[in-house]
Amino acid sequence: MPAHAPAPRRGIRSTRSLTIIGTAVLAVTAGTLVPVFAGDDDGLTLRPVADTTVTQVPQDGDTTGKTTLASCPSLCDGNPKGRRDATLQFAVDKLPANATQVKATLRVYAWHDFAARILARTVPGDLAAASSPARLAAVGSVEALDKVSKGYNEFDVSGSVQGNGTYTFALSQESLNTRVYWASRENSKDNLHPELVLSYRTQAKPTPSKSTPSTALPPAPSTKPTTAAPTATSPSATKPATTAPATTKPPAAPTAPAADGWRLVFNDDFTSGSIDKSKWNLRDGEGRSIDIGCNVDDPKNTFVSGGNLTLRALKQSSTCSSQTRQYTQSYLDTMGKASFKYGRFEIRAKSPNKPESSKGLWPAFWLRPDDGGNGEIDVTELPGGPGWHDKSTAAIFWDYTPVKQDTRIAMPGGAHPADGFHTYTTEWDAKSLKWYIDGKLVWTRDSSTTPWFDKAFNKPYNLRLNFQVGGWLGNPDASTQFPADFVVDYVKVYQR
């Protein structure tokens, strides 16, 4: 399911993420299904261990257990003593001793747009350290946003979070004399909870023979020439494009499996001129709670042309699931037609998402189990917007509370998902899951990183290919360009 990935990712190739559910300090015993992994390096996504609204208004009462936090200047809603500061406490305790170039981003969700300037102050210590305006005024480290946006708002707090410790962040409002409400850790919707996202590099210990950092990912599994791969895996480099946006499609990168024993078991090169309904279901009239578009079976939204499949998001009114929505979108799956237990799952595609015109756009290729139970494998999610457009998200889920692991991955060679066609691959067997981008190994999960690995990934999964509009990463705004096209060259599945 698209749109689970939690956090910003900046400047680090193959950044890995750790999501701590509920609180940032948890003990894990054998069989626990909460993903807390001290050995997972290069990234942490933390949830607050405590939060509250520090208020001058006695009528506010106890604010420690409320589902929202509030900020407001001293003159607030006509009250000259109405100041409120939203405060959040995080426990950072898993940064390795050799972490360098630490990047820290505080993410807090707001329900509405406001022309309010917000200051984020970092106070070492717990909530008590930020319990009064006088204490906050003495803080030297301040980050600011000049306006509040509906969705997650991000504050760069890297200057004050460079090591393990307890940190409290206070959101103080400088302008707009009415309250701004923020989601708290007690909010019933887990995907709105505040987050502190840390990314970093780990400095290798010097060795006499190597200069590669100790956290370098292993090389791709084979150096065998790609001519050994099945010929069916090589898409035509000369397919003419018509209605699809890419008029000249570059040749496919040599990422077909070269290891002995792979055989092609599912293939759609989209050369027939229409969607192959023997392989794909195309959802129609469906409105899901996790986005704001209607999934429709309409040739304006989903079509094959020039050897490509195009999933198109449109800004147009449509009725689905007894709702009228303002966007239409495309969702294909192979439920009841093709499912696989283990294999190599690969898509070659071009994202529509540019930094300035793609907020609220979210294409993805992923897998869900046939039994509808626990588990999800995201080969790639490619959300848009200025904080998301330039990376691919890889993820796995146990459930949607959410118990998950995910990572935002910079494209090899400084590429972007929208600058052309790129290949996204996941290899899955009984022991591990491995992700590749353009043939480069970028992430690995197994039972040592994931306590629920064996339970979640031991059954058949079907394919999902969709392009959703909106979701918890944010909805389109005036800058978002429609129509938006997610263009797919091929989808292939191999098994041994």
Protein backbone atom coordinates (compact mmCIF):
# COMPACT_ATOMS: atom_id res chain seq x y z
CA MET A 1 0.00 0.00 0.00
CA PRO A 2 1.54 3.28 -1.01
CA ALA A 3 2.09 6.06 1.38
CA HIS A 4 3.40 4.48 4.46
CA ALA A 5 6.89 5.66 4.37
CA PRO A 6 7.39 8.10 7.19
CA ALA A 7 10.27 10.38 6.81
CA PRO A 8 12.43 12.79 4.87
CA ARG A 9 15.61 11.58 3.32
CA ARG A 10 18.41 13.85 2.36
CA GLY A 11 21.83 13.46 0.84
CA ILE A 12 22.68 9.91 1.80
CA ARG A 13 22.64 7.13 -0.70
CA SER A 14 21.14 3.87 0.52
CA THR A 15 19.85 5.46 3.70
CA ARG A 16 18.12 2.90 5.92
CA SER A 17 15.33 3.72 8.32
CA LEU A 18 14.12 2.45 11.68
CA THR A 19 10.59 3.18 12.80
CA ILE A 20 9.85 2.93 16.51
CA ILE A 21 6.15 2.56 17.14
CA GLY A 22 4.44 4.30 20.07
CA THR A 23 7.46 5.37 22.09
CA ALA A 24 11.11 5.79 21.35
CA VAL A 25 12.34 3.55 24.15
CA LEU A 26 11.17 -0.04 23.89
CA ALA A 27 12.51 -3.40 24.96
CA VAL A 28 12.29 -6.16 22.40
CA THR A 29 12.08 -9.81 23.29
CA ALA A 30 11.95 -12.83 21.05
CA GLY A 31 8.70 -12.97 19.13
CA THR A 32 7.85 -9.29 19.62
CA LEU A 33 6.32 -7.83 16.49
CA VAL A 34 7.51 -4.28 17.04
CA PRO A 35 10.43 -3.33 14.79
CA VAL A 36 13.20 -2.02 17.02
CA PHE A 37 16.58 -2.97 15.65
CA ALA A 38 19.72 -1.56 17.19
CA GLY A 39 21.82 -2.97 14.38
CA ASP A 40 19.95 -1.10 11.64
CA ASP A 41 22.31 1.68 10.58
CA ASP A 42 22.28 4.89 8.57
CA GLY A 43 18.82 6.08 9.65
CA LEU A 44 16.35 6.34 12.51
CA THR A 45 12.75 7.48 12.61
CA LEU A 46 11.67 8.12 16.19
CA ARG A 47 8.33 8.85 17.78
CA PRO A 48 8.06 11.09 20.87
CA VAL A 49 8.10 9.53 24.32
CA ALA A 50 6.05 12.44 25.68
CA ASP A 51 4.36 15.60 24.45
CA THR A 52 2.14 18.35 25.81
CA THR A 53 0.98 21.90 25.26
CA VAL A 54 2.62 24.39 27.61
CA THR A 55 -0.17 26.91 28.20
CA GLN A 56 -0.80 30.13 30.09
CA VAL A 57 -4.54 29.41 30.09
CA PRO A 58 -5.69 27.59 33.26
CA GLN A 59 -8.89 26.50 31.54
CA ASP A 60 -6.88 24.28 29.22
CA GLY A 61 -6.39 21.86 32.13
CA ASP A 62 -4.07 18.86 31.82
CA THR A 63 -2.73 18.82 28.25
CA THR A 64 -0.45 15.78 28.51
CA GLY A 65 -2.97 13.22 27.24
CA LYS A 66 -4.75 15.15 24.52
CA THR A 67 -4.81 14.03 20.90
CA THR A 68 -3.76 17.48 19.68
CA LEU A 69 -1.08 19.99 20.57
CA ALA A 70 -1.55 23.73 20.17
CA SER A 71 0.57 26.78 19.51
CA CYS A 72 -0.50 30.43 19.78
CA PRO A 73 1.14 33.82 20.49
CA SER A 74 0.61 35.67 23.77
CA LEU A 75 -2.40 37.46 22.31
CA CYS A 76 -4.46 34.42 21.36
CA ASP A 77 -8.11 34.43 20.32
CA GLY A 78 -8.57 37.75 22.13
CA ASN A 79 -6.86 36.59 25.34
CA PRO A 80 -3.74 38.72 26.11
CA LYS A 81 -2.39 35.85 28.22
CA GLY A 82 -3.17 33.02 25.87
CA ARG A 83 0.27 31.80 24.81
CA ARG A 84 0.61 28.11 24.03
CA ASP A 85 3.70 26.15 22.96
CA ALA A 86 3.51 22.63 21.54
CA THR A 87 6.33 20.61 23.13
CA LEU A 88 7.61 17.17 22.18
CA GLN A 89 10.20 15.01 23.94
CA PHE A 90 12.32 12.43 22.09
CA ALA A 91 14.82 9.90 23.40
CA VAL A 92 17.71 9.48 20.98
CA ASP A 93 19.64 6.43 22.10
CA LYS A 94 20.67 4.44 19.03
CA LEU A 95 23.01 6.72 17.14
CA PRO A 96 26.25 4.75 16.74
CA ALA A 97 29.42 6.22 18.18
CA ASN A 98 30.91 6.60 14.70
CA ALA A 99 27.90 8.45 13.23
CA THR A 100 28.88 11.54 11.24
CA GLN A 101 27.02 14.14 9.15
CA VAL A 102 23.91 13.70 11.29
CA LYS A 103 20.80 15.21 9.72
CA ALA A 104 17.83 15.68 12.07
CA THR A 105 14.35 16.67 10.91
CA LEU A 106 11.37 17.24 13.18
CA ARG A 107 8.07 16.45 11.43
CA VAL A 108 4.75 17.55 12.92
CA TYR A 109 1.33 17.23 11.31
CA ALA A 110 -1.15 20.13 10.98
CA TRP A 111 -4.70 19.81 9.66
CA HIS A 112 -4.93 23.20 7.93
CA ASP A 113 -2.89 25.84 6.13
CA PHE A 114 -2.09 28.91 8.23
CA ALA A 115 -0.20 32.14 7.55
CA ALA A 116 1.60 31.68 10.86
CA ARG A 117 5.32 31.89 11.55
CA ILE A 118 6.43 29.00 13.77
CA LEU A 119 9.71 28.76 15.67
CA ALA A 120 11.10 25.34 16.61
CA ARG A 121 13.37 25.53 19.64
CA THR A 122 15.48 22.62 20.84
CA VAL A 123 15.94 22.23 24.59
CA PRO A 124 18.26 19.51 25.93
CA GLY A 125 16.33 17.49 28.50
CA ASP A 126 12.73 16.47 29.11
CA LEU A 127 9.48 18.42 28.90
CA ALA A 128 10.21 20.22 32.15
CA ALA A 129 13.13 21.96 30.45
CA ALA A 130 10.66 23.74 28.17
CA SER A 131 7.98 24.44 30.74
CA SER A 132 7.97 28.25 30.59
CA PRO A 133 8.35 31.06 28.04
CA ALA A 134 11.37 32.33 29.97
CA ARG A 135 13.22 29.04 29.52
CA LEU A 136 12.36 28.96 25.83
CA ALA A 137 13.53 32.53 25.32
CA ALA A 138 16.98 31.50 26.52
CA VAL A 139 17.34 28.83 23.84
CA GLY A 140 19.91 29.67 21.20
CA SER A 141 19.05 27.03 18.59
CA VAL A 142 15.94 28.09 16.65
CA GLU A 143 14.52 26.99 13.31
CA ALA A 144 11.55 28.72 11.67
CA LEU A 145 8.79 28.14 9.16
CA ASP A 146 7.09 31.19 7.70
CA LYS A 147 3.81 29.38 7.15
CA VAL A 148 2.03 26.22 8.25
CA SER A 149 0.97 23.75 5.57
CA LYS A 150 -1.72 21.11 5.78
CA GLY A 151 0.13 17.84 6.31
CA TYR A 152 3.57 17.29 7.76
CA ASN A 153 5.64 20.40 8.48
CA GLU A 154 9.40 19.89 8.70
CA PHE A 155 11.99 21.67 10.83
CA ASP A 156 15.71 21.13 10.30
CA VAL A 157 17.04 20.64 13.85
CA SER A 158 20.38 19.19 12.82
CA GLY A 159 22.29 21.92 14.58
CA SER A 160 21.10 20.77 17.99
CA VAL A 161 20.85 16.98 17.58
CA GLN A 162 24.28 15.49 16.93
CA GLY A 163 24.39 12.67 19.47
CA ASN A 164 22.38 10.48 21.80
CA GLY A 165 20.38 12.13 24.54
CA THR A 166 16.97 13.46 25.51
CA TYR A 167 15.72 16.38 23.43
CA THR A 168 12.58 18.46 23.76
CA PHE A 169 11.32 20.60 20.88
CA ALA A 170 8.97 23.52 21.43
CA LEU A 171 6.87 24.98 18.61
CA SER A 172 6.26 28.65 19.39
CA GLN A 173 3.99 30.78 17.26
CA GLU A 174 5.11 34.32 16.37
CA SER A 175 2.20 35.49 14.22
CA LEU A 176 -1.51 34.88 13.60
CA ASN A 177 -3.38 35.39 16.86
CA THR A 178 -5.34 32.17 16.83
CA ARG A 179 -4.44 28.62 17.69
CA VAL A 180 -2.72 26.23 15.30
CA TYR A 181 -3.39 22.60 16.15
CA TRP A 182 -0.85 19.81 15.66
CA ALA A 183 -1.29 16.03 15.93
CA SER A 184 0.11 14.57 19.15
CA ARG A 185 1.48 11.12 19.97
CA GLU A 186 -1.90 10.28 21.51
CA ASN A 187 -3.79 10.87 18.26
CA SER A 188 -5.80 7.83 17.20
CA LYS A 189 -4.32 7.98 13.70
CA ASP A 190 -0.83 6.60 14.00
CA ASN A 191 0.22 7.92 10.61
CA LEU A 192 -0.21 11.49 11.90
CA HIS A 193 2.08 11.13 14.90
CA PRO A 194 5.09 13.45 15.26
CA GLU A 195 8.47 12.10 14.16
CA LEU A 196 12.13 12.88 14.56
CA VAL A 197 14.02 11.60 11.53
CA LEU A 198 17.76 11.07 11.75
CA SER A 199 20.04 10.19 8.87
CA TYR A 200 23.78 9.92 9.04
CA ARG A 201 26.92 8.32 7.71
CA THR A 202 28.95 5.84 9.67
CA GLN A 203 32.67 6.49 9.57
CA ALA A 204 34.69 3.41 8.71
CA LYS A 205 37.60 2.32 10.83
CA PRO A 206 40.82 2.77 8.83
CA THR A 207 42.30 -0.36 7.40
CA PRO A 208 45.55 -0.78 5.48
CA SER A 209 43.91 -2.32 2.41
CA LYS A 210 40.49 -0.76 1.88
CA SER A 211 39.02 2.70 1.74
CA THR A 212 35.39 1.57 1.48
CA PRO A 213 33.25 2.55 4.50
CA SER A 214 32.37 -0.31 6.79
CA THR A 215 28.67 0.24 6.11
CA ALA A 216 29.04 -0.03 2.36
CA LEU A 217 26.38 -2.24 0.86
CA PRO A 218 27.45 -5.47 -0.81
CA PRO A 219 27.84 -5.52 -4.56
CA ALA A 220 25.19 -6.76 -6.93
CA PRO A 221 25.00 -10.54 -6.90
CA SER A 222 26.63 -11.23 -10.21
CA THR A 223 29.16 -9.88 -12.66
CA LYS A 224 28.00 -12.23 -15.35
CA PRO A 225 27.25 -10.51 -18.69
CA THR A 226 23.60 -9.75 -19.22
CA THR A 227 23.54 -11.75 -22.43
CA ALA A 228 23.07 -14.80 -20.22
CA ALA A 229 19.67 -13.53 -19.09
CA PRO A 230 16.51 -14.75 -20.86
CA THR A 231 15.98 -12.85 -24.10
CA ALA A 232 12.41 -12.05 -23.09
CA THR A 233 13.71 -9.73 -20.40
CA SER A 234 15.17 -7.19 -22.82
CA PRO A 235 12.57 -4.61 -23.88
CA SER A 236 12.81 -3.01 -27.26
CA ALA A 237 14.81 0.18 -27.32
CA THR A 238 13.01 1.41 -30.46
CA LYS A 239 9.35 1.25 -29.45
CA PRO A 240 7.68 4.38 -30.82
CA ALA A 241 5.70 6.41 -28.29
CA THR A 242 2.35 7.91 -29.17
CA THR A 243 0.09 9.04 -26.34
CA ALA A 244 2.57 8.06 -23.65
CA PRO A 245 4.71 11.01 -22.58
CA ALA A 246 8.15 9.58 -23.35
CA THR A 247 8.58 10.02 -27.10
CA THR A 248 12.01 8.43 -27.21
CA LYS A 249 12.54 5.64 -24.76
CA PRO A 250 16.16 4.94 -23.85
CA PRO A 251 17.39 1.35 -23.96
CA ALA A 252 16.79 -0.72 -20.86
CA ALA A 253 19.66 -0.87 -18.43
CA PRO A 254 21.35 -4.28 -18.17
CA THR A 255 19.59 -5.28 -14.96
CA ALA A 256 18.02 -8.59 -15.98
CA PRO A 257 18.99 -11.39 -13.63
CA ALA A 258 22.29 -12.89 -14.62
CA ALA A 259 22.57 -15.48 -11.86
CA ASP A 260 22.10 -19.08 -12.98
CA GLY A 261 18.69 -20.58 -12.48
CA TRP A 262 16.38 -17.58 -12.98
CA ARG A 263 13.45 -18.23 -15.31
CA LEU A 264 10.86 -15.74 -16.48
CA VAL A 265 7.41 -16.65 -15.10
CA PHE A 266 5.48 -13.40 -15.62
CA ASN A 267 6.11 -10.77 -18.26
CA ASP A 268 4.25 -7.78 -19.62
CA ASP A 269 6.16 -5.57 -22.06
CA PHE A 270 2.97 -3.69 -22.96
CA THR A 271 3.44 -4.20 -26.68
CA SER A 272 -0.06 -5.50 -27.51
CA GLY A 273 -1.68 -2.06 -27.71
CA SER A 274 -4.12 -2.73 -24.86
CA ILE A 275 -4.13 -3.87 -21.27
CA ASP A 276 -3.86 -7.66 -21.05
CA LYS A 277 -6.90 -8.56 -18.91
CA SER A 278 -5.67 -12.13 -18.62
CA LYS A 279 -2.85 -10.74 -16.45
CA TRP A 280 -4.32 -7.64 -14.82
CA ASN A 281 -7.44 -6.52 -13.03
CA LEU A 282 -8.23 -2.83 -13.38
CA ARG A 283 -10.16 -1.47 -10.43
CA ASP A 284 -13.22 0.66 -11.08
CA GLY A 285 -15.46 2.85 -8.93
CA GLU A 286 -13.27 2.39 -5.85
CA GLY A 287 -12.62 5.11 -3.29
CA ARG A 288 -10.11 4.24 -0.58
CA SER A 289 -9.74 5.99 2.75
CA ILE A 290 -5.98 6.43 2.31
CA ASP A 291 -6.15 8.79 -0.70
CA ILE A 292 -8.52 11.31 -2.30
CA GLY A 293 -8.93 9.96 -5.83
CA CYS A 294 -11.29 7.48 -7.48
CA ASN A 295 -9.77 4.33 -8.98
CA VAL A 296 -11.43 4.06 -12.38
CA ASP A 297 -11.39 1.71 -15.36
CA ASP A 298 -11.20 4.43 -17.98
CA PRO A 299 -8.95 4.62 -21.07
CA LYS A 300 -8.17 8.24 -20.19
CA ASN A 301 -6.50 7.02 -16.98
CA THR A 302 -4.95 3.71 -18.01
CA PHE A 303 -3.76 2.93 -21.53
CA VAL A 304 -1.08 1.13 -23.54
CA SER A 305 0.69 2.95 -26.34
CA GLY A 306 4.11 2.88 -27.94
CA GLY A 307 5.19 -0.14 -25.90
CA ASN A 308 4.42 1.55 -22.57
CA LEU A 309 1.68 1.33 -19.99
CA THR A 310 0.59 4.76 -18.75
CA LEU A 311 -1.18 5.27 -15.44
CA ARG A 312 -2.57 8.81 -15.57
CA ALA A 313 -3.87 10.92 -12.68
CA LEU A 314 -6.44 13.51 -13.71
CA LYS A 315 -8.09 16.41 -11.95
CA GLN A 316 -11.71 15.65 -12.71
CA SER A 317 -14.82 14.95 -10.68
CA SER A 318 -15.89 11.32 -10.25
CA THR A 319 -18.15 9.33 -7.95
CA CYS A 320 -16.83 6.23 -6.21
CA SER A 321 -17.79 4.37 -3.04
CA SER A 322 -20.76 6.76 -2.61
CA GLN A 323 -18.43 9.78 -2.61
CA THR A 324 -17.76 12.51 -5.13
CA ARG A 325 -14.05 13.12 -5.48
CA GLN A 326 -12.09 15.60 -7.54
CA TYR A 327 -9.42 13.28 -8.95
CA THR A 328 -9.31 10.05 -10.95
CA GLN A 329 -6.45 7.56 -10.80
CA SER A 330 -5.38 4.07 -11.86
CA TYR A 331 -4.96 0.82 -9.90
CA LEU A 332 -4.03 -2.57 -11.41
CA ASP A 333 -3.51 -5.87 -9.60
CA THR A 334 -3.11 -9.58 -10.38
CA MET A 335 -5.44 -10.93 -7.68
CA GLY A 336 -6.87 -14.27 -8.80
CA LYS A 337 -4.68 -14.25 -11.93
CA ALA A 338 -1.06 -14.45 -10.82
CA SER A 339 0.63 -14.81 -7.46
CA PHE A 340 4.10 -15.86 -6.38
CA LYS A 341 5.89 -17.21 -3.36
CA TYR A 342 9.47 -15.95 -3.79
CA GLY A 343 11.03 -14.56 -6.92
CA ARG A 344 12.60 -11.53 -8.52
CA PHE A 345 10.09 -8.73 -9.09
CA GLU A 346 11.10 -5.96 -11.45
CA ILE A 347 9.58 -2.85 -12.99
CA ARG A 348 11.13 -0.36 -15.37
CA ALA A 349 9.32 2.94 -15.13
CA LYS A 350 9.48 6.72 -15.24
CA SER A 351 8.03 8.83 -12.44
CA PRO A 352 6.14 12.05 -13.25
CA ASN A 353 7.35 13.78 -10.12
CA LYS A 354 9.31 17.00 -10.43
CA PRO A 355 10.14 18.96 -7.24
CA GLU A 356 7.99 21.97 -8.01
CA SER A 357 4.85 20.37 -9.48
CA SER A 358 4.18 16.95 -7.93
CA LYS A 359 2.88 17.38 -4.39
CA GLY A 360 0.23 14.74 -3.68
CA LEU A 361 1.23 12.39 -6.53
CA TRP A 362 2.18 8.84 -5.53
CA PRO A 363 2.96 5.99 -7.98
CA ALA A 364 4.02 2.59 -6.62
CA PHE A 365 4.75 -1.05 -7.46
CA TRP A 366 4.17 -3.42 -4.54
CA LEU A 367 2.94 -6.86 -3.42
CA ARG A 368 0.28 -8.07 -1.01
CA PRO A 369 -0.46 -11.63 0.20
CA ASP A 370 -3.26 -13.59 -1.42
CA ASP A 371 -4.81 -14.35 1.97
CA GLY A 372 -5.23 -10.63 2.68
CA GLY A 373 -3.43 -11.03 6.01
CA ASN A 374 -0.19 -9.70 7.39
CA GLY A 375 2.57 -8.60 5.08
CA GLU A 376 3.43 -6.19 2.28
CA ILE A 377 6.47 -5.74 0.06
CA ASP A 378 6.99 -2.37 -1.62
CA VAL A 379 9.37 -2.73 -4.56
CA THR A 380 9.22 1.02 -5.04
CA GLU A 381 7.12 3.96 -3.97
CA LEU A 382 7.80 7.24 -5.76
CA PRO A 383 5.92 10.01 -3.93
CA GLY A 384 6.14 13.55 -5.25
CA GLY A 385 6.74 16.93 -3.71
CA PRO A 386 9.89 18.89 -2.91
CA GLY A 387 10.86 16.66 0.01
CA TRP A 388 10.18 13.33 -1.67
CA HIS A 389 10.46 13.42 -5.46
CA ASP A 390 14.14 12.56 -5.80
CA LYS A 391 14.25 9.17 -4.07
CA SER A 392 12.66 5.73 -4.14
CA THR A 393 11.06 4.27 -1.04
CA ALA A 394 11.46 0.56 -0.28
CA ALA A 395 9.36 -0.91 2.51
CA ILE A 396 7.95 -3.98 4.23
CA PHE A 397 4.93 -4.16 6.52
CA TRP A 398 3.70 -6.61 9.11
CA ASP A 399 0.43 -4.69 9.56
CA TYR A 400 -0.96 -1.18 9.19
CA THR A 401 -0.83 -0.02 12.79
CA PRO A 402 1.81 0.39 11.26
CA VAL A 403 4.47 -2.17 12.13
CA LYS A 404 6.87 -1.68 9.26
CA GLN A 405 10.39 -0.98 8.08
CA ASP A 406 11.19 1.36 5.21
CA THR A 407 13.93 3.45 3.70
CA ARG A 408 14.26 6.31 1.26
CA ILE A 409 17.00 5.62 -1.28
CA ALA A 410 18.93 8.08 -3.42
CA MET A 411 19.18 7.04 -7.04
CA PRO A 412 22.56 5.69 -8.15
CA GLY A 413 24.76 8.20 -9.93
CA GLY A 414 22.76 11.21 -8.77
CA ALA A 415 19.79 10.38 -10.99
CA HIS A 416 16.15 11.23 -10.23
CA PRO A 417 13.13 8.93 -10.75
CA ALA A 418 11.62 11.45 -13.19
CA ASP A 419 14.69 12.02 -15.37
CA GLY A 420 14.09 8.88 -17.41
CA PHE A 421 13.30 5.19 -17.10
CA HIS A 422 14.80 3.39 -14.10
CA THR A 423 14.66 -0.23 -13.00
CA TYR A 424 13.40 -1.14 -9.51
CA THR A 425 13.84 -4.75 -8.39
CA THR A 426 13.16 -6.84 -5.29
CA GLU A 427 14.55 -10.35 -4.87
CA TRP A 428 12.67 -12.44 -2.32
CA ASP A 429 13.51 -15.90 -1.05
CA ALA A 430 13.04 -17.82 2.19
CA LYS A 431 16.01 -16.11 3.83
CA SER A 432 15.98 -12.49 2.70
CA LEU A 433 14.55 -9.61 0.68
CA LYS A 434 16.93 -7.52 -1.42
CA TRP A 435 16.21 -4.28 -3.27
CA TYR A 436 18.05 -3.01 -6.34
CA ILE A 437 17.86 0.24 -8.30
CA ASP A 438 19.29 0.14 -11.82
CA GLY A 439 21.10 -3.06 -10.88
CA LYS A 440 22.70 -1.71 -7.69
CA LEU A 441 21.92 -3.45 -4.39
CA VAL A 442 20.55 -0.79 -2.03
CA TRP A 443 18.75 -2.51 0.89
CA THR A 444 18.40 -5.94 2.53
CA ARG A 445 15.96 -7.37 5.10
CA ASP A 446 16.08 -10.79 6.76
CA SER A 447 15.20 -12.48 10.04
CA SER A 448 18.10 -10.76 11.81
CA THR A 449 16.67 -7.30 11.04
CA THR A 450 13.00 -8.23 11.15
CA PRO A 451 11.55 -10.45 13.91
CA TRP A 452 8.38 -11.04 11.90
CA PHE A 453 10.17 -11.85 8.62
CA ASP A 454 9.40 -15.59 8.60
CA LYS A 455 5.75 -15.09 9.53
CA ALA A 456 5.05 -12.38 6.98
CA PHE A 457 6.96 -13.61 3.95
CA ASN A 458 6.26 -17.32 3.60
CA LYS A 459 3.15 -17.32 1.40
CA PRO A 460 2.01 -16.30 -2.10
CA TYR A 461 1.75 -12.59 -2.94
CA ASN A 462 0.07 -10.85 -5.88
CA LEU A 463 1.22 -7.75 -7.74
CA ARG A 464 -0.10 -4.21 -7.28
CA LEU A 465 0.63 -1.31 -9.63
CA ASN A 466 -1.08 1.99 -8.94
CA PHE A 467 -0.90 5.77 -9.03
CA GLN A 468 -2.74 7.43 -6.17
CA VAL A 469 -3.55 11.08 -5.55
CA GLY A 470 -3.20 12.39 -2.01
CA GLY A 471 -2.65 10.59 1.24
CA TRP A 472 -0.84 11.19 4.48
CA LEU A 473 2.16 12.71 2.70
CA GLY A 474 -0.08 15.55 1.57
CA ASN A 475 -2.64 16.38 -1.07
CA PRO A 476 -2.14 18.27 -4.33
CA ASP A 477 -1.93 22.04 -4.19
CA ALA A 478 -2.10 24.78 -6.80
CA SER A 479 1.39 23.90 -8.06
CA THR A 480 0.58 20.23 -8.80
CA GLN A 481 0.36 19.62 -12.52
CA PHE A 482 -2.32 17.45 -14.11
CA PRO A 483 -2.50 15.28 -16.07
CA ALA A 484 0.36 13.39 -14.44
CA ASP A 485 1.69 10.20 -16.04
CA PHE A 486 3.42 7.23 -14.43
CA VAL A 487 4.90 5.42 -17.44
CA VAL A 488 5.85 1.74 -17.24
CA ASP A 489 8.08 -0.01 -19.76
CA TYR A 490 7.68 -3.52 -18.34
CA VAL A 491 6.80 -5.66 -15.32
CA LYS A 492 8.61 -8.98 -14.96
CA VAL A 493 8.76 -11.77 -12.41
CA TYR A 494 11.46 -14.44 -12.32
CA GLN A 495 11.72 -17.54 -10.16
CA ARG A 496 14.35 -20.17 -9.55
